[in-house]
Amino acid sequence: MSGIDQDTAATQGSDKKLLSVTQRRLEKFVSLFAKVLVSDQPDTIHDTRVWSRRLQEVFRVLFPKPRVGKSRKLIRTLRQVRRALGNCRNIDVTIDLIQDRLNTSTDSFAHEPWNLIRDYLLEKRARQIARAHEELTRHDIIQFVTRTQHLLQVDGLEKEPEALLKQSLEEALTDWNEVLRDVQETPQPEQIHGLRIAGKRLRYRTELLADLGHTSVKPRIKSLKRLQDELGNWHDRYVLLQFIAEFIGRPDFLVDHPQTGRDLLAAMERERDKNAAAVSVILRDAEKARQVWGEPKTGITQE
């Protein structure tokens, strides 16, 4: 990763800094996990998922493959928590999009189809929240904390922190470049979504480097954030399309509500057009980000 310079201050006590950052991310995730058990607020659900991924990327850095059983279990738990809340998060962003359509439309007749889908999603959300809470209660968060601290304090790090970071960032950047090439060749939903996930991994590992004092990576983080915002907007519209299709695909809906069905099909066409136009923007910003990052060659270099 040519151009990532190592700040002098970041080299001193980097192992302690890395463990300290891990501890803070662990505390943040655990506090959100407890909060989401008794709350169904969209922001809480979103933040729990974000911090589960941030903590997961720390584990990936600290315990590279081949991972021992304990670290694999921790990563698996974080994935399961995120997956349990995934449907709720998708519904929340879709409801926000629908509300935006309602707020910007001056045609009162156009409100009815969106209101119907919103009500449908609110009912669906209530069921998903109950299911998510049930799944989350199966995880022993105290045991998760104990295992994490034991792994960090007793087993320790397999390599020096700088070597671990170099290796993990090289891997993440290589993966991101490969996925980007796939998107450039075949810009289909599966490939675009893959770029979004690869970008998250690269960004959160780079943020870890910034947390350790490497200020030189900030332009790279900024380039990824801009791209991730575009990918997030694309994904939100893609999920909206899926929910509209699910709603009008219910038995006898189109038979009983032909006009509403036509209105929603027209809305789907508009959303598809927006996403098709967004792909060119995503590819443009992805290429800009690639130029900022450079090729994965030399990793963290020391002045």
Protein backbone atom coordinates (compact mmCIF):
# COMPACT_ATOMS: atom_id res chain seq x y z
CA MET A 1 0.00 0.00 0.00
CA SER A 2 2.38 2.64 -1.24
CA GLY A 3 2.22 6.03 0.40
CA ILE A 4 0.99 5.03 3.86
CA ASP A 5 3.64 6.61 6.03
CA GLN A 6 4.20 5.60 9.59
CA ASP A 7 4.08 8.53 12.01
CA THR A 8 6.82 8.43 14.61
CA ALA A 9 4.39 8.71 17.50
CA ALA A 10 2.44 5.74 16.19
CA THR A 11 5.43 3.44 16.46
CA GLN A 12 5.78 3.82 20.22
CA GLY A 13 3.81 1.36 22.29
CA SER A 14 1.69 0.33 19.30
CA ASP A 15 0.80 -2.99 20.89
CA LYS A 16 -0.70 -1.25 23.92
CA LYS A 17 -2.48 1.26 21.68
CA LEU A 18 -3.97 -1.51 19.58
CA LEU A 19 -5.23 -3.37 22.62
CA SER A 20 -6.62 -0.11 24.02
CA VAL A 21 -8.52 0.58 20.79
CA THR A 22 -9.85 -2.97 20.86
CA GLN A 23 -11.05 -2.48 24.42
CA ARG A 24 -12.91 0.71 23.44
CA ARG A 25 -14.57 -0.98 20.49
CA LEU A 26 -15.52 -3.91 22.70
CA GLU A 27 -17.08 -1.57 25.27
CA LYS A 28 -19.02 0.27 22.57
CA PHE A 29 -20.38 -2.92 21.04
CA VAL A 30 -21.36 -4.45 24.39
CA SER A 31 -23.19 -1.28 25.49
CA LEU A 32 -25.11 -1.19 22.21
CA PHE A 33 -25.88 -4.91 22.41
CA ALA A 34 -27.47 -4.38 25.82
CA LYS A 35 -29.39 -1.35 24.55
CA VAL A 36 -30.77 -3.07 21.47
CA LEU A 37 -32.22 -5.85 23.66
CA VAL A 38 -34.68 -3.36 25.15
CA SER A 39 -34.95 -0.88 22.30
CA ASP A 40 -36.23 -0.96 18.74
CA GLN A 41 -34.94 2.47 17.72
CA PRO A 42 -33.51 2.48 14.17
CA ASP A 43 -30.36 4.33 15.24
CA THR A 44 -29.62 1.75 17.93
CA ILE A 45 -30.05 -1.11 15.48
CA HIS A 46 -27.82 0.61 12.95
CA ASP A 47 -25.11 1.47 15.47
CA THR A 48 -25.06 -2.08 16.87
CA ARG A 49 -24.45 -3.45 13.40
CA VAL A 50 -21.75 -0.87 12.62
CA TRP A 51 -19.82 -1.48 15.83
CA SER A 52 -20.12 -5.24 15.52
CA ARG A 53 -18.36 -4.91 12.16
CA ARG A 54 -15.74 -2.52 13.56
CA LEU A 55 -14.94 -4.95 16.36
CA GLN A 56 -14.93 -7.86 13.94
CA GLU A 57 -12.32 -6.17 11.78
CA VAL A 58 -10.09 -5.69 14.84
CA PHE A 59 -10.32 -9.42 15.49
CA ARG A 60 -9.44 -10.10 11.86
CA VAL A 61 -6.34 -7.93 12.29
CA LEU A 62 -5.26 -9.35 15.63
CA PHE A 63 -5.95 -12.98 14.78
CA PRO A 64 -5.24 -13.58 11.07
CA LYS A 65 -5.89 -16.86 9.33
CA PRO A 66 -5.55 -19.62 10.22
CA ARG A 67 -7.54 -18.54 13.27
CA VAL A 68 -7.78 -20.50 16.49
CA GLY A 69 -11.15 -21.78 17.64
CA LYS A 70 -11.70 -19.02 20.20
CA SER A 71 -11.25 -16.16 17.76
CA ARG A 72 -13.44 -17.90 15.17
CA LYS A 73 -16.24 -18.13 17.73
CA LEU A 74 -16.00 -14.43 18.53
CA ILE A 75 -16.19 -13.47 14.87
CA ARG A 76 -19.08 -15.87 14.33
CA THR A 77 -21.00 -14.29 17.21
CA LEU A 78 -20.57 -10.81 15.75
CA ARG A 79 -21.80 -12.03 12.37
CA GLN A 80 -24.85 -13.66 13.96
CA VAL A 81 -25.73 -10.48 15.85
CA ARG A 82 -25.45 -8.43 12.69
CA ARG A 83 -27.49 -10.94 10.71
CA ALA A 84 -30.22 -11.01 13.36
CA LEU A 85 -30.67 -7.25 12.98
CA GLY A 86 -30.20 -7.13 9.22
CA ASN A 87 -33.86 -7.39 8.19
CA CYS A 88 -34.85 -4.74 10.73
CA ARG A 89 -32.22 -2.40 9.35
CA ASN A 90 -33.38 -2.97 5.76
CA ILE A 91 -36.96 -2.20 6.74
CA ASP A 92 -35.90 0.96 8.58
CA VAL A 93 -34.02 2.41 5.62
CA THR A 94 -36.91 1.52 3.31
CA ILE A 95 -39.43 3.25 5.56
CA ASP A 96 -37.18 6.32 5.52
CA LEU A 97 -37.11 6.26 1.71
CA ILE A 98 -40.88 5.92 1.57
CA GLN A 99 -41.31 8.83 3.96
CA ASP A 100 -39.03 10.88 1.74
CA ARG A 101 -41.22 10.05 -1.27
CA LEU A 102 -44.30 11.09 0.70
CA ASN A 103 -42.71 14.35 1.83
CA THR A 104 -41.63 15.36 -1.66
CA SER A 105 -44.82 14.39 -3.52
CA THR A 106 -47.48 17.08 -3.97
CA ASP A 107 -49.97 14.63 -5.51
CA SER A 108 -52.21 13.36 -2.73
CA PHE A 109 -53.35 10.42 -4.89
CA ALA A 110 -49.74 9.29 -5.18
CA HIS A 111 -49.55 8.96 -1.40
CA GLU A 112 -51.87 5.98 -1.16
CA PRO A 113 -49.53 3.32 -2.64
CA TRP A 114 -46.63 4.51 -0.47
CA ASN A 115 -48.82 4.59 2.64
CA LEU A 116 -49.93 1.03 1.97
CA ILE A 117 -46.35 -0.23 1.68
CA ARG A 118 -45.28 1.74 4.75
CA ASP A 119 -48.07 0.17 6.83
CA TYR A 120 -47.14 -3.25 5.48
CA LEU A 121 -43.50 -2.72 6.44
CA LEU A 122 -44.36 -1.43 9.90
CA GLU A 123 -46.25 -4.65 10.61
CA LYS A 124 -43.39 -6.67 9.17
CA ARG A 125 -40.91 -4.72 11.28
CA ALA A 126 -42.75 -5.55 14.51
CA ARG A 127 -42.43 -9.25 13.72
CA GLN A 128 -38.77 -8.90 12.76
CA ILE A 129 -37.94 -7.00 15.95
CA ALA A 130 -39.50 -9.72 18.07
CA ARG A 131 -37.57 -12.37 16.17
CA ALA A 132 -34.31 -10.41 16.45
CA HIS A 133 -34.71 -9.95 20.21
CA GLU A 134 -35.33 -13.67 20.58
CA GLU A 135 -32.20 -14.51 18.60
CA LEU A 136 -30.05 -12.01 20.50
CA THR A 137 -31.06 -13.42 23.89
CA ARG A 138 -29.42 -16.69 22.88
CA HIS A 139 -26.02 -14.99 23.03
CA ASP A 140 -24.28 -14.80 26.39
CA ILE A 141 -22.72 -11.34 26.21
CA ILE A 142 -20.86 -11.82 29.50
CA GLN A 143 -19.24 -14.94 28.12
CA PHE A 144 -18.40 -13.05 24.93
CA VAL A 145 -16.60 -10.35 26.92
CA THR A 146 -14.77 -12.91 29.05
CA ARG A 147 -13.58 -14.84 26.03
CA THR A 148 -12.44 -11.68 24.29
CA GLN A 149 -10.45 -10.39 27.25
CA HIS A 150 -8.93 -13.81 27.88
CA LEU A 151 -7.86 -14.08 24.26
CA LEU A 152 -6.28 -10.63 24.32
CA GLN A 153 -4.64 -10.78 27.74
CA VAL A 154 -3.59 -14.42 28.00
CA ASP A 155 -2.95 -15.56 24.45
CA GLY A 156 -1.68 -12.17 23.33
CA LEU A 157 -0.77 -11.17 19.79
CA GLU A 158 0.79 -13.58 17.35
CA LYS A 159 2.90 -10.89 15.64
CA GLU A 160 3.96 -7.30 16.18
CA PRO A 161 1.00 -4.89 15.71
CA GLU A 162 2.61 -3.09 12.78
CA ALA A 163 3.13 -6.38 10.96
CA LEU A 164 -0.45 -7.42 11.68
CA LEU A 165 -1.80 -4.14 10.36
CA LYS A 166 0.37 -4.28 7.26
CA GLN A 167 -0.77 -7.80 6.47
CA SER A 168 -4.46 -7.15 7.08
CA LEU A 169 -4.56 -3.92 5.09
CA GLU A 170 -2.72 -5.53 2.19
CA GLU A 171 -5.27 -8.35 2.17
CA ALA A 172 -8.24 -5.98 2.41
CA LEU A 173 -6.92 -3.72 -0.34
CA THR A 174 -6.17 -6.68 -2.60
CA ASP A 175 -9.68 -8.04 -2.08
CA TRP A 176 -11.22 -4.62 -2.71
CA ASN A 177 -9.29 -4.22 -5.98
CA GLU A 178 -10.38 -7.67 -7.14
CA VAL A 179 -14.03 -6.93 -6.39
CA LEU A 180 -13.76 -3.56 -8.14
CA ARG A 181 -12.48 -5.29 -11.28
CA ASP A 182 -15.47 -7.64 -11.11
CA VAL A 183 -17.85 -4.67 -10.87
CA GLN A 184 -16.15 -2.91 -13.78
CA GLU A 185 -16.55 -6.04 -15.90
CA THR A 186 -20.03 -7.05 -14.67
CA PRO A 187 -21.86 -4.22 -12.83
CA GLN A 188 -24.65 -6.44 -11.51
CA PRO A 189 -26.29 -6.19 -8.04
CA GLU A 190 -24.29 -9.08 -6.57
CA GLN A 191 -20.98 -7.56 -7.65
CA ILE A 192 -21.95 -4.04 -6.54
CA HIS A 193 -23.00 -5.33 -3.14
CA GLY A 194 -19.70 -7.20 -2.89
CA LEU A 195 -17.83 -3.93 -3.48
CA ARG A 196 -19.83 -2.36 -0.66
CA ILE A 197 -18.84 -5.11 1.79
CA ALA A 198 -15.19 -5.12 0.71
CA GLY A 199 -15.12 -1.34 1.16
CA LYS A 200 -16.40 -1.64 4.70
CA ARG A 201 -13.66 -4.09 5.60
CA LEU A 202 -10.97 -1.88 4.11
CA ARG A 203 -12.36 1.29 5.66
CA TYR A 204 -12.75 -0.09 9.19
CA ARG A 205 -9.26 -1.55 9.20
CA THR A 206 -7.88 1.76 7.97
CA GLU A 207 -9.81 3.62 10.67
CA LEU A 208 -8.06 1.34 13.14
CA LEU A 209 -4.74 2.56 11.75
CA ALA A 210 -5.91 6.16 12.14
CA ASP A 211 -6.90 5.43 15.75
CA LEU A 212 -3.29 4.43 16.36
CA GLY A 213 -2.05 7.82 15.21
CA HIS A 214 -1.40 7.34 11.49
CA THR A 215 -2.81 10.64 10.23
CA SER A 216 -1.54 10.02 6.69
CA VAL A 217 -4.40 7.57 6.02
CA LYS A 218 -7.15 10.18 6.42
CA PRO A 219 -7.39 11.00 2.67
CA ARG A 220 -7.85 7.29 1.98
CA ILE A 221 -10.61 7.02 4.56
CA LYS A 222 -12.30 10.06 3.04
CA SER A 223 -12.21 8.57 -0.44
CA LEU A 224 -13.75 5.34 0.82
CA LYS A 225 -16.45 7.14 2.79
CA ARG A 226 -17.58 9.07 -0.28
CA LEU A 227 -17.78 5.85 -2.27
CA GLN A 228 -19.53 3.99 0.56
CA ASP A 229 -22.18 6.70 0.73
CA GLU A 230 -22.94 6.20 -2.96
CA LEU A 231 -23.02 2.44 -2.52
CA GLY A 232 -25.28 2.81 0.51
CA ASN A 233 -27.78 4.90 -1.45
CA TRP A 234 -27.73 2.35 -4.26
CA HIS A 235 -28.31 -0.49 -1.78
CA ASP A 236 -31.19 1.31 -0.07
CA ARG A 237 -33.01 1.74 -3.39
CA TYR A 238 -32.30 -1.88 -4.29
CA VAL A 239 -33.88 -3.02 -1.02
CA LEU A 240 -36.86 -0.72 -1.67
CA LEU A 241 -37.38 -2.43 -5.04
CA GLN A 242 -37.32 -5.83 -3.36
CA PHE A 243 -39.94 -4.81 -0.81
CA ILE A 244 -42.20 -3.31 -3.48
CA ALA A 245 -41.96 -6.55 -5.46
CA GLU A 246 -42.73 -8.53 -2.31
CA PHE A 247 -45.74 -6.31 -1.54
CA ILE A 248 -47.39 -6.45 -4.96
CA GLY A 249 -46.51 -10.13 -5.36
CA ARG A 250 -48.85 -11.19 -2.59
CA PRO A 251 -51.73 -13.48 -3.69
CA ASP A 252 -54.54 -11.60 -5.48
CA PHE A 253 -53.08 -8.16 -4.76
CA LEU A 254 -52.88 -7.10 -8.41
CA VAL A 255 -56.34 -8.56 -9.03
CA ASP A 256 -57.88 -6.60 -6.16
CA HIS A 257 -55.80 -3.41 -6.54
CA PRO A 258 -54.92 -2.99 -10.23
CA GLN A 259 -54.44 0.80 -10.10
CA THR A 260 -52.24 0.64 -7.01
CA GLY A 261 -50.28 -2.11 -8.70
CA ARG A 262 -49.74 0.05 -11.78
CA ASP A 263 -48.64 2.98 -9.64
CA LEU A 264 -46.13 0.83 -7.77
CA LEU A 265 -44.79 -0.74 -10.95
CA ALA A 266 -44.23 2.76 -12.31
CA ALA A 267 -42.45 3.68 -9.05
CA MET A 268 -40.25 0.61 -9.42
CA GLU A 269 -39.27 1.72 -12.90
CA ARG A 270 -38.23 5.13 -11.60
CA GLU A 271 -36.17 3.59 -8.80
CA ARG A 272 -34.48 1.20 -11.23
CA ASP A 273 -33.58 4.14 -13.45
CA LYS A 274 -32.03 5.94 -10.47
CA ASN A 275 -29.94 2.91 -9.58
CA ALA A 276 -28.85 2.40 -13.17
CA ALA A 277 -27.65 6.01 -13.29
CA ALA A 278 -25.96 5.60 -9.90
CA VAL A 279 -23.75 2.76 -11.18
CA SER A 280 -21.73 5.13 -13.39
CA VAL A 281 -21.22 7.46 -10.40
CA ILE A 282 -20.12 4.51 -8.26
CA LEU A 283 -17.63 3.34 -10.87
CA ARG A 284 -16.27 6.88 -11.24
CA ASP A 285 -15.80 7.35 -7.48
CA ALA A 286 -14.39 3.84 -7.11
CA GLU A 287 -11.73 4.63 -9.70
CA LYS A 288 -10.89 7.85 -7.86
CA ALA A 289 -10.57 5.91 -4.61
CA ARG A 290 -8.35 3.34 -6.31
CA GLN A 291 -6.04 6.10 -7.49
CA VAL A 292 -5.86 7.54 -3.97
CA TRP A 293 -4.98 4.14 -2.53
CA GLY A 294 -2.63 2.93 -5.21
CA GLU A 295 -1.78 -0.71 -5.74
CA PRO A 296 -1.31 -3.12 -2.80
CA LYS A 297 2.47 -3.44 -2.94
CA THR A 298 4.52 -2.19 -0.04
CA GLY A 299 2.07 -1.82 2.82
CA ILE A 300 2.96 0.44 5.75
CA THR A 301 6.26 2.12 5.07
CA GLN A 302 8.46 3.83 7.57
CA GLU A 303 10.12 7.17 6.89
